[in-house]
Amino acid sequence: MSDTPTLFDHDPAAIYEEYDKRCGAPANAPHVGHTCRECANRQRWQADHANTIQQYCGVRRSNRTRNGLLKIKCNQAACCLFQAEEKTKENE
């Protein structure tokens, strides 16, 4: 086997830290310690062909989806574009 690292050998948190460095976020930014589930920019879309809910980021763009939004997983670390979601009676 080769000693070169593969995609699965990397720590996901380290990848997001590298992304934050590229977009210029400070290390003590408000998004540190939060997930995409807590972000106000998260959008929920129901898939046309199935009864599944897809989660998308309303700020980050993607060329690989039909709606042009980046598909996310709610448990991934929040990016530097994180905005805290306001608590309402419905959210509690």
PDB file of N, CA and C in Angstrom:
ATOM      1  N   MET A   1       0.820  -1.184   0.000  1.00  0.00           N
ATOM      2  CA  MET A   1       0.000   0.000   0.000  1.00  0.00           C
ATOM      3  C   MET A   1       0.867   1.251   0.000  1.00  0.00           C
ATOM      4  N   SER A   2       0.334   2.273  -0.506  1.00  0.00           N
ATOM      5  CA  SER A   2       1.034   3.549  -0.592  1.00  0.00           C
ATOM      6  C   SER A   2       0.921   4.318   0.724  1.00  0.00           C
ATOM      7  N   ASP A   3       1.913   5.134   1.018  1.00  0.00           N
ATOM      8  CA  ASP A   3       1.897   5.953   2.227  1.00  0.00           C
ATOM      9  C   ASP A   3       1.240   7.312   2.012  1.00  0.00           C
ATOM     10  N   THR A   4       0.774   7.582   0.814  1.00  0.00           N
ATOM     11  CA  THR A   4       0.134   8.866   0.568  1.00  0.00           C
ATOM     12  C   THR A   4      -1.260   8.878   1.196  1.00  0.00           C
ATOM     13  N   PRO A   5      -1.654   9.978   1.826  1.00  0.00           N
ATOM     14  CA  PRO A   5      -2.971  10.036   2.465  1.00  0.00           C
ATOM     15  C   PRO A   5      -4.096  10.077   1.431  1.00  0.00           C
ATOM     16  N   THR A   6      -5.207   9.480   1.776  1.00  0.00           N
ATOM     17  CA  THR A   6      -6.381   9.503   0.914  1.00  0.00           C
ATOM     18  C   THR A   6      -7.368  10.521   1.465  1.00  0.00           C
ATOM     19  N   LEU A   7      -8.452  10.693   0.768  1.00  0.00           N
ATOM     20  CA  LEU A   7      -9.485  11.634   1.200  1.00  0.00           C
ATOM     21  C   LEU A   7     -10.044  11.256   2.561  1.00  0.00           C
ATOM     22  N   PHE A   8     -10.138   9.974   2.841  1.00  0.00           N
ATOM     23  CA  PHE A   8     -10.759   9.512   4.074  1.00  0.00           C
ATOM     24  C   PHE A   8      -9.810   9.545   5.269  1.00  0.00           C
ATOM     25  N   ASP A   9      -8.524   9.824   5.038  1.00  0.00           N
ATOM     26  CA  ASP A   9      -7.558   9.910   6.129  1.00  0.00           C
ATOM     27  C   ASP A   9      -7.547  11.279   6.792  1.00  0.00           C
ATOM     28  N   HIS A  10      -8.192  12.273   6.196  1.00  0.00           N
ATOM     29  CA  HIS A  10      -8.165  13.630   6.727  1.00  0.00           C
ATOM     30  C   HIS A  10      -9.248  13.824   7.782  1.00  0.00           C
ATOM     31  N   ASP A  11      -8.959  14.680   8.736  1.00  0.00           N
ATOM     32  CA  ASP A  11      -9.909  15.042   9.776  1.00  0.00           C
ATOM     33  C   ASP A  11     -10.870  16.094   9.208  1.00  0.00           C
ATOM     34  N   PRO A  12     -12.199  15.858   9.256  1.00  0.00           N
ATOM     35  CA  PRO A  12     -13.140  16.839   8.697  1.00  0.00           C
ATOM     36  C   PRO A  12     -13.028  18.211   9.351  1.00  0.00           C
ATOM     37  N   ALA A  13     -12.758  18.257  10.656  1.00  0.00           N
ATOM     38  CA  ALA A  13     -12.631  19.547  11.325  1.00  0.00           C
ATOM     39  C   ALA A  13     -11.441  20.327  10.770  1.00  0.00           C
ATOM     40  N   ALA A  14     -10.369  19.636  10.425  1.00  0.00           N
ATOM     41  CA  ALA A  14      -9.194  20.302   9.859  1.00  0.00           C
ATOM     42  C   ALA A  14      -9.508  20.885   8.480  1.00  0.00           C
ATOM     43  N   ILE A  15     -10.349  20.205   7.732  1.00  0.00           N
ATOM     44  CA  ILE A  15     -10.731  20.707   6.411  1.00  0.00           C
ATOM     45  C   ILE A  15     -11.507  22.005   6.549  1.00  0.00           C
ATOM     46  N   TYR A  16     -12.437  22.073   7.505  1.00  0.00           N
ATOM     47  CA  TYR A  16     -13.206  23.296   7.709  1.00  0.00           C
ATOM     48  C   TYR A  16     -12.335  24.420   8.257  1.00  0.00           C
ATOM     49  N   GLU A  17     -11.348  24.090   9.083  1.00  0.00           N
ATOM     50  CA  GLU A  17     -10.421  25.110   9.572  1.00  0.00           C
ATOM     51  C   GLU A  17      -9.645  25.707   8.409  1.00  0.00           C
ATOM     52  N   GLU A  18      -9.238  24.858   7.468  1.00  0.00           N
ATOM     53  CA  GLU A  18      -8.524  25.337   6.281  1.00  0.00           C
ATOM     54  C   GLU A  18      -9.435  26.238   5.452  1.00  0.00           C
ATOM     55  N   TYR A  19     -10.713  25.869   5.314  1.00  0.00           N
ATOM     56  CA  TYR A  19     -11.670  26.700   4.568  1.00  0.00           C
ATOM     57  C   TYR A  19     -11.833  28.053   5.248  1.00  0.00           C
ATOM     58  N   ASP A  20     -11.922  28.062   6.591  1.00  0.00           N
ATOM     59  CA  ASP A  20     -12.067  29.311   7.322  1.00  0.00           C
ATOM     60  C   ASP A  20     -10.857  30.214   7.136  1.00  0.00           C
ATOM     61  N   LYS A  21      -9.663  29.626   7.078  1.00  0.00           N
ATOM     62  CA  LYS A  21      -8.458  30.422   6.850  1.00  0.00           C
ATOM     63  C   LYS A  21      -8.513  31.076   5.472  1.00  0.00           C
ATOM     64  N   ARG A  22      -9.013  30.337   4.494  1.00  0.00           N
ATOM     65  CA  ARG A  22      -9.083  30.869   3.127  1.00  0.00           C
ATOM     66  C   ARG A  22     -10.084  32.008   3.020  1.00  0.00           C
ATOM     67  N   CYS A  23     -11.208  31.919   3.738  1.00  0.00           N
ATOM     68  CA  CYS A  23     -12.207  32.991   3.621  1.00  0.00           C
ATOM     69  C   CYS A  23     -11.942  34.110   4.613  1.00  0.00           C
ATOM     70  N   GLY A  24     -10.866  34.019   5.393  1.00  0.00           N
ATOM     71  CA  GLY A  24     -10.441  35.117   6.240  1.00  0.00           C
ATOM     72  C   GLY A  24     -11.117  35.212   7.590  1.00  0.00           C
ATOM     73  N   ALA A  25     -11.717  34.128   8.066  1.00  0.00           N
ATOM     74  CA  ALA A  25     -12.391  34.160   9.367  1.00  0.00           C
ATOM     75  C   ALA A  25     -11.367  34.020  10.483  1.00  0.00           C
ATOM     76  N   PRO A  26     -11.497  34.814  11.558  1.00  0.00           N
ATOM     77  CA  PRO A  26     -10.584  34.654  12.687  1.00  0.00           C
ATOM     78  C   PRO A  26     -10.848  33.369  13.445  1.00  0.00           C
ATOM     79  N   ALA A  27      -9.873  32.903  14.209  1.00  0.00           N
ATOM     80  CA  ALA A  27      -9.997  31.624  14.913  1.00  0.00           C
ATOM     81  C   ALA A  27     -11.089  31.651  15.977  1.00  0.00           C
ATOM     82  N   ASN A  28     -11.376  32.814  16.551  1.00  0.00           N
ATOM     83  CA  ASN A  28     -12.413  32.905  17.576  1.00  0.00           C
ATOM     84  C   ASN A  28     -13.715  33.473  17.017  1.00  0.00           C
ATOM     85  N   ALA A  29     -13.999  33.208  15.767  1.00  0.00           N
ATOM     86  CA  ALA A  29     -15.211  33.696  15.115  1.00  0.00           C
ATOM     87  C   ALA A  29     -16.453  33.077  15.742  1.00  0.00           C
ATOM     88  N   PRO A  30     -17.613  33.690  15.565  1.00  0.00           N
ATOM     89  CA  PRO A  30     -18.831  33.187  16.212  1.00  0.00           C
ATOM     90  C   PRO A  30     -19.299  31.825  15.716  1.00  0.00           C
ATOM     91  N   HIS A  31     -18.802  31.351  14.574  1.00  0.00           N
ATOM     92  CA  HIS A  31     -19.260  30.061  14.053  1.00  0.00           C
ATOM     93  C   HIS A  31     -18.532  28.875  14.679  1.00  0.00           C
ATOM     94  N   VAL A  32     -17.446  29.111  15.393  1.00  0.00           N
ATOM     95  CA  VAL A  32     -16.669  28.024  15.977  1.00  0.00           C
ATOM     96  C   VAL A  32     -17.504  27.326  17.049  1.00  0.00           C
ATOM     97  N   GLY A  33     -17.622  26.019  16.941  1.00  0.00           N
ATOM     98  CA  GLY A  33     -18.399  25.249  17.899  1.00  0.00           C
ATOM     99  C   GLY A  33     -19.858  25.091  17.532  1.00  0.00           C
ATOM    100  N   HIS A  34     -20.267  25.617  16.382  1.00  0.00           N
ATOM    101  CA  HIS A  34     -21.655  25.492  15.932  1.00  0.00           C
ATOM    102  C   HIS A  34     -21.734  24.561  14.731  1.00  0.00           C
ATOM    103  N   THR A  35     -22.948  24.132  14.394  1.00  0.00           N
ATOM    104  CA  THR A  35     -23.177  23.277  13.235  1.00  0.00           C
ATOM    105  C   THR A  35     -24.126  23.968  12.270  1.00  0.00           C
ATOM    106  N   CYS A  36     -24.259  23.414  11.084  1.00  0.00           N
ATOM    107  CA  CYS A  36     -25.171  23.972  10.085  1.00  0.00           C
ATOM    108  C   CYS A  36     -26.633  23.898  10.545  1.00  0.00           C
ATOM    109  N   ARG A  37     -26.949  22.989  11.453  1.00  0.00           N
ATOM    110  CA  ARG A  37     -28.310  22.865  11.969  1.00  0.00           C
ATOM    111  C   ARG A  37     -28.763  24.132  12.692  1.00  0.00           C
ATOM    112  N   GLU A  38     -27.816  24.878  13.266  1.00  0.00           N
ATOM    113  CA  GLU A  38     -28.126  26.069  14.048  1.00  0.00           C
ATOM    114  C   GLU A  38     -28.082  27.357  13.228  1.00  0.00           C
ATOM    115  N   CYS A  39     -27.819  27.253  11.938  1.00  0.00           N
ATOM    116  CA  CYS A  39     -27.624  28.428  11.094  1.00  0.00           C
ATOM    117  C   CYS A  39     -28.947  28.928  10.516  1.00  0.00           C
ATOM    118  N   ALA A  40     -29.086  30.247  10.442  1.00  0.00           N
ATOM    119  CA  ALA A  40     -30.296  30.858   9.881  1.00  0.00           C
ATOM    120  C   ALA A  40     -30.343  30.704   8.361  1.00  0.00           C
ATOM    121  N   ASN A  41     -29.225  30.430   7.709  1.00  0.00           N
ATOM    122  CA  ASN A  41     -29.172  30.311   6.250  1.00  0.00           C
ATOM    123  C   ASN A  41     -29.557  28.927   5.751  1.00  0.00           C
ATOM    124  N   ARG A  42     -29.805  27.985   6.653  1.00  0.00           N
ATOM    125  CA  ARG A  42     -30.148  26.618   6.250  1.00  0.00           C
ATOM    126  C   ARG A  42     -31.552  26.600   5.646  1.00  0.00           C
ATOM    127  N   GLN A  43     -31.689  25.902   4.524  1.00  0.00           N
ATOM    128  CA  GLN A  43     -32.991  25.761   3.853  1.00  0.00           C
ATOM    129  C   GLN A  43     -33.329  24.291   3.732  1.00  0.00           C
ATOM    130  N   ARG A  44     -34.603  23.981   3.915  1.00  0.00           N
ATOM    131  CA  ARG A  44     -35.072  22.600   3.787  1.00  0.00           C
ATOM    132  C   ARG A  44     -35.941  22.496   2.554  1.00  0.00           C
ATOM    133  N   TRP A  45     -35.605  21.552   1.683  1.00  0.00           N
ATOM    134  CA  TRP A  45     -36.353  21.324   0.449  1.00  0.00           C
ATOM    135  C   TRP A  45     -36.819  19.885   0.435  1.00  0.00           C
ATOM    136  N   GLN A  46     -38.050  19.667  -0.016  1.00  0.00           N
ATOM    137  CA  GLN A  46     -38.542  18.298  -0.171  1.00  0.00           C
ATOM    138  C   GLN A  46     -38.240  17.843  -1.584  1.00  0.00           C
ATOM    139  N   ALA A  47     -37.681  16.642  -1.707  1.00  0.00           N
ATOM    140  CA  ALA A  47     -37.342  16.095  -3.018  1.00  0.00           C
ATOM    141  C   ALA A  47     -38.619  15.778  -3.794  1.00  0.00           C
ATOM    142  N   ASP A  48     -38.581  15.994  -5.113  1.00  0.00           N
ATOM    143  CA  ASP A  48     -39.758  15.774  -5.955  1.00  0.00           C
ATOM    144  C   ASP A  48     -40.096  14.298  -6.080  1.00  0.00           C
ATOM    145  N   HIS A  49     -39.088  13.457  -6.135  1.00  0.00           N
ATOM    146  CA  HIS A  49     -39.289  12.051  -6.442  1.00  0.00           C
ATOM    147  C   HIS A  49     -39.469  11.172  -5.203  1.00  0.00           C
ATOM    148  N   ALA A  50     -39.279  11.708  -4.018  1.00  0.00           N
ATOM    149  CA  ALA A  50     -39.363  10.884  -2.805  1.00  0.00           C
ATOM    150  C   ALA A  50     -39.824  11.738  -1.635  1.00  0.00           C
ATOM    151  N   ASN A  51     -40.121  11.088  -0.548  1.00  0.00           N
ATOM    152  CA  ASN A  51     -40.541  11.800   0.646  1.00  0.00           C
ATOM    153  C   ASN A  51     -39.349  12.093   1.541  1.00  0.00           C
ATOM    154  N   THR A  52     -38.296  12.627   0.975  1.00  0.00           N
ATOM    155  CA  THR A  52     -37.106  12.953   1.748  1.00  0.00           C
ATOM    156  C   THR A  52     -36.908  14.460   1.773  1.00  0.00           C
ATOM    157  N   ILE A  53     -36.258  14.938   2.803  1.00  0.00           N
ATOM    158  CA  ILE A  53     -35.949  16.354   2.950  1.00  0.00           C
ATOM    159  C   ILE A  53     -34.454  16.545   2.692  1.00  0.00           C
ATOM    160  N   GLN A  54     -34.125  17.454   1.805  1.00  0.00           N
ATOM    161  CA  GLN A  54     -32.736  17.792   1.509  1.00  0.00           C
ATOM    162  C   GLN A  54     -32.425  19.128   2.175  1.00  0.00           C
ATOM    163  N   GLN A  55     -31.235  19.248   2.742  1.00  0.00           N
ATOM    164  CA  GLN A  55     -30.816  20.472   3.416  1.00  0.00           C
ATOM    165  C   GLN A  55     -29.839  21.224   2.511  1.00  0.00           C
ATOM    166  N   TYR A  56     -30.041  22.523   2.362  1.00  0.00           N
ATOM    167  CA  TYR A  56     -29.183  23.351   1.519  1.00  0.00           C
ATOM    168  C   TYR A  56     -28.763  24.598   2.279  1.00  0.00           C
ATOM    169  N   CYS A  57     -27.593  25.122   1.934  1.00  0.00           N
ATOM    170  CA  CYS A  57     -27.119  26.386   2.486  1.00  0.00           C
ATOM    171  C   CYS A  57     -27.639  27.499   1.584  1.00  0.00           C
ATOM    172  N   GLY A  58     -28.290  28.492   2.166  1.00  0.00           N
ATOM    173  CA  GLY A  58     -28.872  29.575   1.383  1.00  0.00           C
ATOM    174  C   GLY A  58     -27.865  30.609   0.914  1.00  0.00           C
ATOM    175  N   VAL A  59     -26.617  30.523   1.368  1.00  0.00           N
ATOM    176  CA  VAL A  59     -25.603  31.520   1.025  1.00  0.00           C
ATOM    177  C   VAL A  59     -24.564  30.961   0.062  1.00  0.00           C
ATOM    178  N   ARG A  60     -24.092  29.758   0.321  1.00  0.00           N
ATOM    179  CA  ARG A  60     -23.029  29.172  -0.503  1.00  0.00           C
ATOM    180  C   ARG A  60     -23.619  28.558  -1.761  1.00  0.00           C
ATOM    181  N   ARG A  61     -22.967  28.746  -2.876  1.00  0.00           N
ATOM    182  CA  ARG A  61     -23.455  28.295  -4.179  1.00  0.00           C
ATOM    183  C   ARG A  61     -22.755  27.020  -4.630  1.00  0.00           C
ATOM    184  N   SER A  62     -23.451  26.268  -5.510  1.00  0.00           N
ATOM    185  CA  SER A  62     -22.895  25.043  -6.068  1.00  0.00           C
ATOM    186  C   SER A  62     -23.313  24.925  -7.525  1.00  0.00           C
ATOM    187  N   ASN A  63     -22.422  24.435  -8.350  1.00  0.00           N
ATOM    188  CA  ASN A  63     -22.742  24.190  -9.756  1.00  0.00           C
ATOM    189  C   ASN A  63     -23.284  22.783  -9.971  1.00  0.00           C
ATOM    190  N   ARG A  64     -23.363  21.972  -8.920  1.00  0.00           N
ATOM    191  CA  ARG A  64     -23.745  20.568  -9.060  1.00  0.00           C
ATOM    192  C   ARG A  64     -25.191  20.277  -8.701  1.00  0.00           C
ATOM    193  N   THR A  65     -25.925  21.260  -8.230  1.00  0.00           N
ATOM    194  CA  THR A  65     -27.327  21.043  -7.877  1.00  0.00           C
ATOM    195  C   THR A  65     -28.219  21.857  -8.794  1.00  0.00           C
ATOM    196  N   ARG A  66     -29.461  21.423  -8.940  1.00  0.00           N
ATOM    197  CA  ARG A  66     -30.391  22.113  -9.834  1.00  0.00           C
ATOM    198  C   ARG A  66     -30.751  23.510  -9.348  1.00  0.00           C
ATOM    199  N   ASN A  67     -30.876  23.664  -8.041  1.00  0.00           N
ATOM    200  CA  ASN A  67     -31.280  24.967  -7.516  1.00  0.00           C
ATOM    201  C   ASN A  67     -30.106  25.916  -7.297  1.00  0.00           C
ATOM    202  N   GLY A  68     -28.869  25.455  -7.526  1.00  0.00           N
ATOM    203  CA  GLY A  68     -27.697  26.303  -7.416  1.00  0.00           C
ATOM    204  C   GLY A  68     -27.199  26.520  -6.005  1.00  0.00           C
ATOM    205  N   LEU A  69     -27.793  25.830  -5.014  1.00  0.00           N
ATOM    206  CA  LEU A  69     -27.374  25.960  -3.622  1.00  0.00           C
ATOM    207  C   LEU A  69     -26.539  24.762  -3.213  1.00  0.00           C
ATOM    208  N   LEU A  70     -25.654  24.962  -2.248  1.00  0.00           N
ATOM    209  CA  LEU A  70     -24.786  23.896  -1.774  1.00  0.00           C
ATOM    210  C   LEU A  70     -25.554  22.964  -0.847  1.00  0.00           C
ATOM    211  N   LYS A  71     -25.522  21.681  -1.146  1.00  0.00           N
ATOM    212  CA  LYS A  71     -26.168  20.681  -0.297  1.00  0.00           C
ATOM    213  C   LYS A  71     -25.314  20.467   0.946  1.00  0.00           C
ATOM    214  N   ILE A  72     -25.941  20.458   2.121  1.00  0.00           N
ATOM    215  CA  ILE A  72     -25.204  20.338   3.379  1.00  0.00           C
ATOM    216  C   ILE A  72     -25.744  19.191   4.208  1.00  0.00           C
ATOM    217  N   LYS A  73     -24.976  18.827   5.217  1.00  0.00           N
ATOM    218  CA  LYS A  73     -25.420  17.907   6.255  1.00  0.00           C
ATOM    219  C   LYS A  73     -25.501  18.724   7.535  1.00  0.00           C
ATOM    220  N   CYS A  74     -26.554  18.555   8.277  1.00  0.00           N
ATOM    221  CA  CYS A  74     -26.809  19.415   9.436  1.00  0.00           C
ATOM    222  C   CYS A  74     -25.776  19.277  10.539  1.00  0.00           C
ATOM    223  N   ASN A  75     -25.105  18.146  10.628  1.00  0.00           N
ATOM    224  CA  ASN A  75     -24.155  17.937  11.716  1.00  0.00           C
ATOM    225  C   ASN A  75     -22.742  18.373  11.379  1.00  0.00           C
ATOM    226  N   GLN A  76     -22.521  18.910  10.176  1.00  0.00           N
ATOM    227  CA  GLN A  76     -21.181  19.354   9.846  1.00  0.00           C
ATOM    228  C   GLN A  76     -20.902  20.707  10.500  1.00  0.00           C
ATOM    229  N   ALA A  77     -19.640  21.000  10.704  1.00  0.00           N
ATOM    230  CA  ALA A  77     -19.242  22.247  11.357  1.00  0.00           C
ATOM    231  C   ALA A  77     -19.675  23.448  10.522  1.00  0.00           C
ATOM    232  N   ALA A  78     -20.090  24.496  11.179  1.00  0.00           N
ATOM    233  CA  ALA A  78     -20.546  25.698  10.493  1.00  0.00           C
ATOM    234  C   ALA A  78     -19.380  26.413   9.828  1.00  0.00           C
ATOM    235  N   CYS A  79     -19.646  27.047   8.694  1.00  0.00           N
ATOM    236  CA  CYS A  79     -18.606  27.780   7.970  1.00  0.00           C
ATOM    237  C   CYS A  79     -18.537  29.213   8.483  1.00  0.00           C
ATOM    238  N   CYS A  80     -17.692  30.016   7.857  1.00  0.00           N
ATOM    239  CA  CYS A  80     -17.498  31.395   8.315  1.00  0.00           C
ATOM    240  C   CYS A  80     -18.692  32.283   7.963  1.00  0.00           C
ATOM    241  N   LEU A  81     -19.658  31.803   7.198  1.00  0.00           N
ATOM    242  CA  LEU A  81     -20.853  32.571   6.857  1.00  0.00           C
ATOM    243  C   LEU A  81     -22.005  32.294   7.832  1.00  0.00           C
ATOM    244  N   PHE A  82     -21.713  31.650   8.946  1.00  0.00           N
ATOM    245  CA  PHE A  82     -22.705  31.258   9.946  1.00  0.00           C
ATOM    246  C   PHE A  82     -23.404  32.475  10.543  1.00  0.00           C
ATOM    247  N   GLN A  83     -24.733  32.381  10.644  1.00  0.00           N
ATOM    248  CA  GLN A  83     -25.544  33.373  11.343  1.00  0.00           C
ATOM    249  C   GLN A  83     -26.450  32.606  12.296  1.00  0.00           C
ATOM    250  N   ALA A  84     -26.454  32.998  13.553  1.00  0.00           N
ATOM    251  CA  ALA A  84     -27.250  32.285  14.553  1.00  0.00           C
ATOM    252  C   ALA A  84     -28.730  32.421  14.241  1.00  0.00           C
ATOM    253  N   GLU A  85     -29.421  31.299  14.357  1.00  0.00           N
ATOM    254  CA  GLU A  85     -30.859  31.280  14.114  1.00  0.00           C
ATOM    255  C   GLU A  85     -31.575  31.852  15.322  1.00  0.00           C
ATOM    256  N   GLU A  86     -32.562  32.714  15.087  1.00  0.00           N
ATOM    257  CA  GLU A  86     -33.316  33.304  16.184  1.00  0.00           C
ATOM    258  C   GLU A  86     -34.278  32.287  16.758  1.00  0.00           C
ATOM    259  N   LYS A  87     -34.349  32.232  18.074  1.00  0.00           N
ATOM    260  CA  LYS A  87     -35.253  31.308  18.751  1.00  0.00           C
ATOM    261  C   LYS A  87     -36.673  31.864  18.742  1.00  0.00           C
ATOM    262  N   THR A  88     -37.620  31.048  18.298  1.00  0.00           N
ATOM    263  CA  THR A  88     -39.032  31.404  18.340  1.00  0.00           C
ATOM    264  C   THR A  88     -39.786  30.280  19.012  1.00  0.00           C
ATOM    265  N   LYS A  89     -41.062  30.470  19.241  1.00  0.00           N
ATOM    266  CA  LYS A  89     -41.885  29.442  19.888  1.00  0.00           C
ATOM    267  C   LYS A  89     -41.935  28.174  19.027  1.00  0.00           C
ATOM    268  N   GLU A  90     -41.944  28.332  17.685  1.00  0.00           N
ATOM    269  CA  GLU A  90     -42.001  27.180  16.788  1.00  0.00           C
ATOM    270  C   GLU A  90     -40.717  26.365  16.843  1.00  0.00           C
ATOM    271  N   ASN A  91     -39.566  27.028  16.998  1.00  0.00           N
ATOM    272  CA  ASN A  91     -38.278  26.331  16.994  1.00  0.00           C
ATOM    273  C   ASN A  91     -38.016  25.594  18.275  1.00  0.00           C
ATOM    274  N   GLU A  92     -38.621  25.983  19.382  1.00  0.00           N
ATOM    275  CA  GLU A  92     -38.334  25.364  20.677  1.00  0.00           C
ATOM    276  C   GLU A  92     -38.996  24.045  20.851  1.00  0.00           C
TER     277      GLU A  92
END
